[in-house]
N, C-alpha and C. Protein backbone atom coordinates (compact mmCIF):
# COMPACT_ATOMS: atom_id res chain seq x y z
N MET A 1 10.92 1.87 -13.54
CA MET A 1 12.02 1.92 -14.46
C MET A 1 11.76 3.12 -15.69
N GLU A 2 10.31 3.34 -16.16
CA GLU A 2 10.48 4.07 -17.21
C GLU A 2 10.29 5.65 -16.66
N ARG A 3 9.98 5.84 -15.56
CA ARG A 3 10.14 7.09 -14.69
C ARG A 3 11.61 7.65 -14.66
N PHE A 4 12.48 6.47 -14.33
CA PHE A 4 13.83 6.48 -14.06
C PHE A 4 14.47 6.75 -15.54
N ILE A 5 14.19 6.24 -16.66
CA ILE A 5 14.76 6.52 -17.71
C ILE A 5 14.37 7.91 -18.33
N THR A 6 13.02 8.36 -18.13
CA THR A 6 12.57 9.65 -18.74
C THR A 6 13.40 10.59 -18.11
N HIS A 7 13.84 10.73 -16.80
CA HIS A 7 14.59 11.64 -16.20
C HIS A 7 16.01 11.62 -16.62
N LEU A 8 16.53 10.88 -17.40
CA LEU A 8 17.89 10.70 -17.87
C LEU A 8 18.23 11.69 -18.88
N SER A 9 17.85 12.98 -18.74
CA SER A 9 18.22 13.87 -19.83
C SER A 9 19.19 14.95 -19.23
N PHE A 10 20.22 14.34 -18.60
CA PHE A 10 21.29 15.28 -18.11
C PHE A 10 22.58 14.65 -18.45
N ASN A 11 23.72 15.52 -18.20
CA ASN A 11 24.92 15.08 -18.48
C ASN A 11 25.50 14.26 -17.24
N ILE A 12 25.79 12.98 -17.10
CA ILE A 12 26.31 12.42 -15.82
C ILE A 12 27.84 12.51 -15.80
N SER A 13 28.45 13.32 -16.77
CA SER A 13 30.00 13.47 -16.71
C SER A 13 30.21 14.73 -15.91
N THR A 14 29.32 15.52 -15.45
CA THR A 14 29.51 16.78 -14.60
C THR A 14 28.91 16.27 -13.23
N PRO A 15 29.69 17.15 -12.28
CA PRO A 15 29.40 16.88 -10.87
C PRO A 15 27.78 16.92 -10.78
N ARG A 16 27.06 18.02 -11.22
CA ARG A 16 25.62 18.25 -11.07
C ARG A 16 24.87 17.22 -11.57
N GLY A 17 25.46 16.65 -12.76
CA GLY A 17 24.71 15.66 -13.41
C GLY A 17 24.86 14.11 -12.69
N ARG A 18 25.92 13.86 -12.27
CA ARG A 18 25.92 12.74 -11.31
C ARG A 18 25.36 12.71 -10.07
N ASP A 19 25.22 13.92 -9.53
CA ASP A 19 24.36 14.06 -8.26
C ASP A 19 22.81 13.74 -8.73
N ARG A 20 22.36 14.31 -9.90
CA ARG A 20 21.07 14.11 -10.17
C ARG A 20 20.98 12.76 -10.47
N PHE A 21 21.72 12.04 -11.09
CA PHE A 21 21.72 10.64 -11.34
C PHE A 21 21.44 9.79 -10.22
N ARG A 22 22.39 10.05 -9.20
CA ARG A 22 22.44 9.18 -7.79
C ARG A 22 21.07 9.66 -7.24
N GLU A 23 20.32 10.92 -7.23
CA GLU A 23 19.26 11.27 -6.45
C GLU A 23 18.06 10.31 -7.15
N LEU A 24 18.13 10.38 -8.51
CA LEU A 24 17.10 9.54 -9.07
C LEU A 24 17.17 7.84 -8.64
N LEU A 25 18.57 7.54 -8.82
CA LEU A 25 18.79 6.24 -8.59
C LEU A 25 18.42 5.85 -7.22
N HIS A 26 18.50 6.68 -6.29
CA HIS A 26 18.19 6.30 -4.78
C HIS A 26 16.78 6.33 -4.64
N ALA A 27 16.02 7.21 -5.22
CA ALA A 27 14.80 7.14 -5.41
C ALA A 27 13.99 5.99 -5.75
N GLN A 28 14.53 5.34 -6.92
CA GLN A 28 14.08 4.08 -7.35
C GLN A 28 14.20 3.00 -6.45
N PHE A 29 15.42 3.02 -5.60
CA PHE A 29 15.43 1.79 -4.63
C PHE A 29 14.49 2.24 -3.34
N ALA A 30 14.19 3.24 -3.26
CA ALA A 30 13.09 3.52 -2.21
C ALA A 30 11.78 3.38 -2.38
N ASP A 31 11.42 3.25 -3.92
CA ASP A 31 10.08 3.31 -4.48
C ASP A 31 9.33 1.95 -3.91
N GLU A 32 7.96 2.42 -3.68
CA GLU A 32 7.14 1.09 -3.04
C GLU A 32 6.40 0.36 -4.24
N ASP A 33 6.72 0.63 -5.50
CA ASP A 33 6.09 -0.17 -6.51
C ASP A 33 6.64 -1.45 -6.63
N ASP A 34 6.18 -2.35 -7.60
CA ASP A 34 6.81 -3.91 -7.78
C ASP A 34 8.49 -3.78 -8.03
N LEU A 35 8.95 -4.65 -7.44
CA LEU A 35 10.53 -4.50 -7.63
C LEU A 35 10.74 -4.77 -9.00
N ARG A 36 10.12 -5.53 -9.83
CA ARG A 36 10.51 -5.55 -11.37
C ARG A 36 10.44 -4.17 -11.97
N LYS A 37 9.53 -3.33 -11.52
CA LYS A 37 9.40 -1.98 -12.16
C LYS A 37 10.37 -0.95 -11.57
N THR A 38 10.75 -1.16 -10.19
CA THR A 38 11.52 -0.05 -9.61
C THR A 38 13.06 -0.52 -9.48
N LEU A 39 13.55 -1.59 -9.36
CA LEU A 39 14.88 -2.08 -9.11
C LEU A 39 15.71 -2.82 -10.01
N TYR A 40 15.03 -3.43 -11.06
CA TYR A 40 15.64 -4.13 -12.10
C TYR A 40 16.45 -3.42 -12.94
N GLY A 41 16.03 -1.96 -13.36
CA GLY A 41 17.07 -1.08 -13.90
C GLY A 41 18.07 -0.34 -13.24
N PRO A 42 17.67 -0.08 -12.06
CA PRO A 42 18.72 0.62 -11.12
C PRO A 42 19.71 -0.37 -10.76
N MET A 43 19.53 -1.65 -10.57
CA MET A 43 20.61 -2.60 -10.14
C MET A 43 21.74 -2.58 -11.02
N LEU A 44 21.36 -2.29 -12.31
CA LEU A 44 22.70 -2.17 -13.24
C LEU A 44 23.69 -1.02 -12.94
N PHE A 45 23.17 -0.22 -12.11
CA PHE A 45 24.08 0.94 -11.69
C PHE A 45 24.45 1.08 -10.26
N LEU A 46 24.04 -0.11 -9.55
CA LEU A 46 24.36 -0.05 -8.16
C LEU A 46 25.76 0.28 -7.68
N HIS A 47 26.57 -0.03 -8.44
CA HIS A 47 27.93 0.33 -8.16
C HIS A 47 28.31 2.00 -8.06
N LEU A 48 27.24 2.80 -8.66
CA LEU A 48 27.51 4.06 -8.72
C LEU A 48 26.61 4.73 -7.49
N ALA A 49 25.86 4.07 -6.86
CA ALA A 49 24.99 4.56 -5.67
C ALA A 49 25.74 4.62 -4.38
N ASP A 50 25.25 5.48 -3.50
CA ASP A 50 25.58 5.51 -1.96
C ASP A 50 25.12 4.33 -1.48
N LEU A 51 25.99 3.28 -0.99
CA LEU A 51 25.58 2.08 -0.40
C LEU A 51 24.97 2.30 0.84
N ASN A 52 25.28 2.98 1.72
CA ASN A 52 24.61 3.23 2.89
C ASN A 52 22.92 3.52 2.75
N ARG A 53 22.70 4.49 1.86
CA ARG A 53 21.51 4.72 1.42
C ARG A 53 20.69 3.73 0.55
N VAL A 54 21.47 2.81 -0.15
CA VAL A 54 20.80 1.57 -0.77
C VAL A 54 20.54 0.62 0.37
N ALA A 55 21.37 0.37 1.22
CA ALA A 55 21.19 -0.50 2.39
C ALA A 55 19.81 -0.25 2.99
N GLU A 56 19.78 1.11 3.34
CA GLU A 56 18.35 1.50 4.18
C GLU A 56 17.30 1.31 3.43
N ALA A 57 17.32 1.52 2.12
CA ALA A 57 16.38 1.38 1.35
C ALA A 57 15.78 -0.18 1.14
N LEU A 58 16.88 -0.92 1.11
CA LEU A 58 16.79 -2.39 0.76
C LEU A 58 16.17 -3.09 2.18
N ARG A 59 16.45 -2.45 3.37
CA ARG A 59 15.85 -3.00 4.68
C ARG A 59 14.50 -2.54 4.64
N THR A 60 14.13 -1.38 4.00
CA THR A 60 12.80 -0.82 4.10
C THR A 60 11.79 -2.00 3.50
N GLN A 61 12.52 -2.15 1.99
CA GLN A 61 11.76 -2.97 1.13
C GLN A 61 11.81 -4.48 1.72
N ILE A 62 12.67 -5.00 2.65
CA ILE A 62 12.31 -6.10 3.27
C ILE A 62 11.18 -6.27 4.21
N ASP A 63 11.16 -5.03 4.88
CA ASP A 63 10.24 -4.83 5.95
C ASP A 63 8.75 -4.79 5.02
N ARG A 64 8.72 -4.07 4.09
CA ARG A 64 7.37 -4.17 3.36
C ARG A 64 6.97 -5.44 2.80
N ARG A 65 7.89 -6.31 2.29
CA ARG A 65 7.64 -7.73 1.93
C ARG A 65 7.30 -8.51 3.05
N ASN A 66 7.90 -8.44 4.18
CA ASN A 66 7.47 -9.18 5.24
C ASN A 66 6.03 -8.81 5.75
N ALA A 67 5.78 -7.62 5.75
CA ALA A 67 4.38 -7.28 6.11
C ALA A 67 3.43 -7.74 5.30
N ARG A 68 3.53 -7.48 3.77
CA ARG A 68 2.89 -8.10 2.72
C ARG A 68 2.40 -9.68 2.82
N LEU A 69 3.66 -10.48 3.28
CA LEU A 69 3.55 -11.85 3.42
C LEU A 69 2.69 -12.10 4.62
N ALA A 70 2.94 -11.52 5.65
CA ALA A 70 2.05 -11.53 6.98
C ALA A 70 0.80 -11.56 6.51
N GLU A 71 0.34 -10.41 5.83
CA GLU A 71 -1.13 -9.96 5.39
C GLU A 71 -1.68 -11.02 4.51
N ILE A 72 -0.96 -11.57 3.79
CA ILE A 72 -1.51 -12.63 2.60
C ILE A 72 -1.62 -13.94 3.37
N ARG A 73 -0.71 -14.26 4.47
CA ARG A 73 -0.93 -15.59 5.16
C ARG A 73 -2.42 -15.30 5.97
N LYS A 74 -2.40 -14.13 6.51
CA LYS A 74 -3.65 -13.93 7.53
C LYS A 74 -5.04 -14.15 6.45
N LEU A 75 -4.78 -13.41 5.51
CA LEU A 75 -6.12 -13.42 4.78
C LEU A 75 -6.37 -14.84 4.15
N HIS A 76 -5.38 -15.50 3.84
CA HIS A 76 -5.63 -17.03 3.30
C HIS A 76 -6.01 -17.88 4.37
N ARG A 77 -5.66 -17.59 5.68
CA ARG A 77 -6.26 -18.51 6.76
C ARG A 77 -7.74 -18.15 7.08
N GLN A 78 -7.98 -16.66 6.95
CA GLN A 78 -9.30 -16.38 7.08
C GLN A 78 -10.31 -16.89 6.07
N TRP A 79 -9.86 -16.96 4.99
CA TRP A 79 -10.91 -17.09 3.71
C TRP A 79 -10.63 -18.41 2.75
N VAL A 80 -9.55 -19.22 3.37
CA VAL A 80 -9.26 -20.45 2.61
C VAL A 80 -10.42 -21.38 2.27
N THR A 81 -11.29 -21.59 3.33
CA THR A 81 -12.46 -22.36 3.18
C THR A 81 -13.55 -22.01 2.44
N MET A 82 -13.53 -20.65 2.05
CA MET A 82 -14.80 -19.91 1.29
C MET A 82 -14.24 -19.45 -0.01
N LEU A 83 -12.83 -19.54 -0.47
CA LEU A 83 -12.24 -19.28 -1.69
C LEU A 83 -12.44 -20.25 -2.82
N PRO A 84 -12.76 -19.68 -4.16
CA PRO A 84 -12.58 -20.84 -5.05
C PRO A 84 -11.28 -21.22 -5.21
N THR A 85 -10.99 -22.27 -5.74
CA THR A 85 -9.56 -23.03 -5.98
C THR A 85 -8.53 -21.98 -6.65
N GLY A 86 -9.21 -21.41 -7.59
CA GLY A 86 -8.44 -20.45 -8.45
C GLY A 86 -7.82 -19.35 -7.45
N SER A 87 -8.72 -18.67 -6.67
CA SER A 87 -8.12 -17.83 -5.72
C SER A 87 -7.18 -18.31 -4.75
N GLY A 88 -7.29 -19.47 -4.18
CA GLY A 88 -6.49 -20.08 -3.13
C GLY A 88 -5.05 -20.40 -4.01
N HIS A 89 -5.13 -20.58 -5.23
CA HIS A 89 -3.68 -20.79 -5.94
C HIS A 89 -3.21 -19.37 -6.21
N LEU A 90 -4.11 -18.41 -6.53
CA LEU A 90 -3.50 -17.04 -6.77
C LEU A 90 -2.73 -16.66 -5.47
N MET A 91 -3.55 -16.51 -4.43
CA MET A 91 -2.65 -16.36 -2.95
C MET A 91 -1.61 -17.08 -2.64
N GLN A 92 -1.61 -18.27 -3.02
CA GLN A 92 -0.14 -19.12 -2.91
C GLN A 92 0.90 -18.45 -3.86
N HIS A 93 0.58 -18.14 -4.96
CA HIS A 93 1.60 -17.58 -5.96
C HIS A 93 1.95 -16.19 -5.59
N ILE A 94 1.03 -15.33 -4.84
CA ILE A 94 1.56 -13.97 -4.33
C ILE A 94 2.65 -14.02 -3.07
N ALA A 95 2.01 -15.35 -2.25
CA ALA A 95 2.87 -15.44 -1.10
C ALA A 95 4.21 -15.98 -1.35
N GLU A 96 4.29 -16.98 -2.51
CA GLU A 96 5.88 -17.40 -3.07
C GLU A 96 6.59 -16.30 -3.63
N GLN A 97 5.69 -15.29 -4.53
CA GLN A 97 6.59 -14.20 -5.05
C GLN A 97 7.34 -13.52 -4.11
N CYS A 98 6.44 -13.10 -2.90
CA CYS A 98 6.82 -12.26 -1.83
C CYS A 98 8.12 -13.25 -1.12
N ARG A 99 8.16 -14.36 -0.99
CA ARG A 99 9.29 -15.01 -0.50
C ARG A 99 10.53 -15.17 -1.40
N LEU A 100 10.12 -15.12 -2.53
CA LEU A 100 11.43 -14.97 -3.46
C LEU A 100 11.85 -13.70 -3.58
N ASP A 101 11.08 -12.62 -3.57
CA ASP A 101 11.62 -11.13 -3.48
C ASP A 101 12.39 -11.10 -2.19
N LEU A 102 11.95 -11.58 -1.15
CA LEU A 102 12.80 -11.40 0.31
C LEU A 102 14.08 -12.15 0.00
N ARG A 103 14.05 -13.34 -0.47
CA ARG A 103 15.38 -14.02 -0.57
C ARG A 103 16.24 -13.07 -1.43
N TRP A 104 15.76 -12.60 -2.67
CA TRP A 104 16.60 -11.74 -3.34
C TRP A 104 17.12 -10.31 -2.67
N LEU A 105 16.18 -9.90 -2.09
CA LEU A 105 16.70 -8.63 -1.43
C LEU A 105 17.48 -8.81 -0.24
N ARG A 106 17.33 -9.88 0.45
CA ARG A 106 18.31 -10.20 1.52
C ARG A 106 19.67 -10.47 0.98
N THR A 107 19.80 -11.12 -0.28
CA THR A 107 21.09 -11.35 -1.07
C THR A 107 21.66 -10.09 -1.31
N VAL A 108 21.07 -9.27 -2.09
CA VAL A 108 21.53 -7.97 -2.48
C VAL A 108 22.05 -7.30 -1.25
N LEU A 109 21.24 -7.13 0.00
CA LEU A 109 21.63 -6.33 0.99
C LEU A 109 22.90 -7.02 1.69
N ALA A 110 23.17 -8.28 1.72
CA ALA A 110 24.35 -8.81 2.30
C ALA A 110 25.63 -8.47 1.62
N ASP A 111 25.31 -8.43 0.11
CA ASP A 111 26.48 -7.85 -0.74
C ASP A 111 26.65 -6.41 -0.61
N VAL A 112 25.71 -5.59 -0.31
CA VAL A 112 25.86 -4.11 -0.07
C VAL A 112 26.63 -3.81 1.23
N GLU A 113 26.22 -4.69 2.29
CA GLU A 113 26.48 -4.44 3.51
C GLU A 113 28.22 -4.89 3.65
N ALA A 114 28.41 -5.95 3.07
CA ALA A 114 29.74 -6.58 2.81
C ALA A 114 30.99 -5.64 1.91
N GLY A 115 30.30 -4.90 1.33
CA GLY A 115 31.04 -4.06 0.41
C GLY A 115 31.35 -4.76 -0.89
N ARG A 116 30.63 -5.75 -1.37
CA ARG A 116 30.90 -6.67 -2.45
C ARG A 116 30.20 -6.05 -3.72
N ILE A 117 30.21 -4.76 -3.89
CA ILE A 117 29.36 -4.11 -5.13
C ILE A 117 30.71 -3.50 -5.70
N ARG A 118 30.54 -3.95 -7.10
CA ARG A 118 31.78 -3.44 -7.83
C ARG A 118 31.20 -3.26 -9.59
N ASP A 119 31.88 -2.35 -10.15
CA ASP A 119 31.69 -2.11 -11.56
C ASP A 119 32.23 -3.20 -12.57
N THR A 120 31.80 -3.06 -13.88
CA THR A 120 32.30 -3.94 -14.62
C THR A 120 33.95 -4.07 -14.52
N PRO A 121 34.59 -5.19 -14.42
CA PRO A 121 35.99 -5.30 -14.15
C PRO A 121 36.63 -4.87 -15.49
N ASP A 122 36.34 -5.34 -16.63
CA ASP A 122 36.84 -4.97 -17.91
C ASP A 122 35.78 -4.48 -19.08
N PRO A 123 35.50 -3.32 -18.97
CA PRO A 123 34.42 -2.77 -19.90
C PRO A 123 34.78 -3.07 -21.34
N ALA A 124 36.08 -3.06 -21.76
CA ALA A 124 36.28 -3.27 -23.22
C ALA A 124 36.04 -4.75 -23.57
N ARG A 125 36.22 -5.68 -22.67
CA ARG A 125 35.87 -6.97 -22.99
C ARG A 125 34.55 -7.10 -23.04
N LEU A 126 33.59 -6.63 -22.08
CA LEU A 126 32.18 -6.45 -22.41
C LEU A 126 31.70 -5.92 -23.57
N VAL A 127 32.37 -4.77 -24.09
CA VAL A 127 31.88 -4.24 -25.12
C VAL A 127 32.20 -5.19 -26.26
N ALA A 128 33.29 -5.80 -26.23
CA ALA A 128 33.61 -6.82 -27.30
C ALA A 128 32.73 -7.95 -27.65
N LYS A 129 32.03 -8.27 -26.51
CA LYS A 129 31.04 -9.39 -26.78
C LYS A 129 29.65 -8.96 -27.10
N THR A 130 29.61 -7.87 -27.41
CA THR A 130 28.36 -7.52 -28.04
C THR A 130 28.53 -7.13 -29.58
């Protein structure tokens, strides 16, 4: 997200600025880093993205998480009898985080594919709440 914010030194009210913004937005959805670092910020602007590109990136993210979960399960099976208790718990936590990420990514993907992405319906009301 820090990389995303540091590049926001352009005017999104111009066509060129909007194109640059979307380019950076789509790059964040495709980033391989931790979801908290890459997607939390850009999710606020999901309604501005090309949803076909986002869907493709989300499918890739899901594939990565599935592969990571499979690798963690494999390592756990191989090493469970030799690992200290703390390491076993850590591996369980990492696997659970992968499963949580997968559920979340699948939910977002379902909304993207169904066209259920929208902007704030009443920006004035939102501003009044702050």
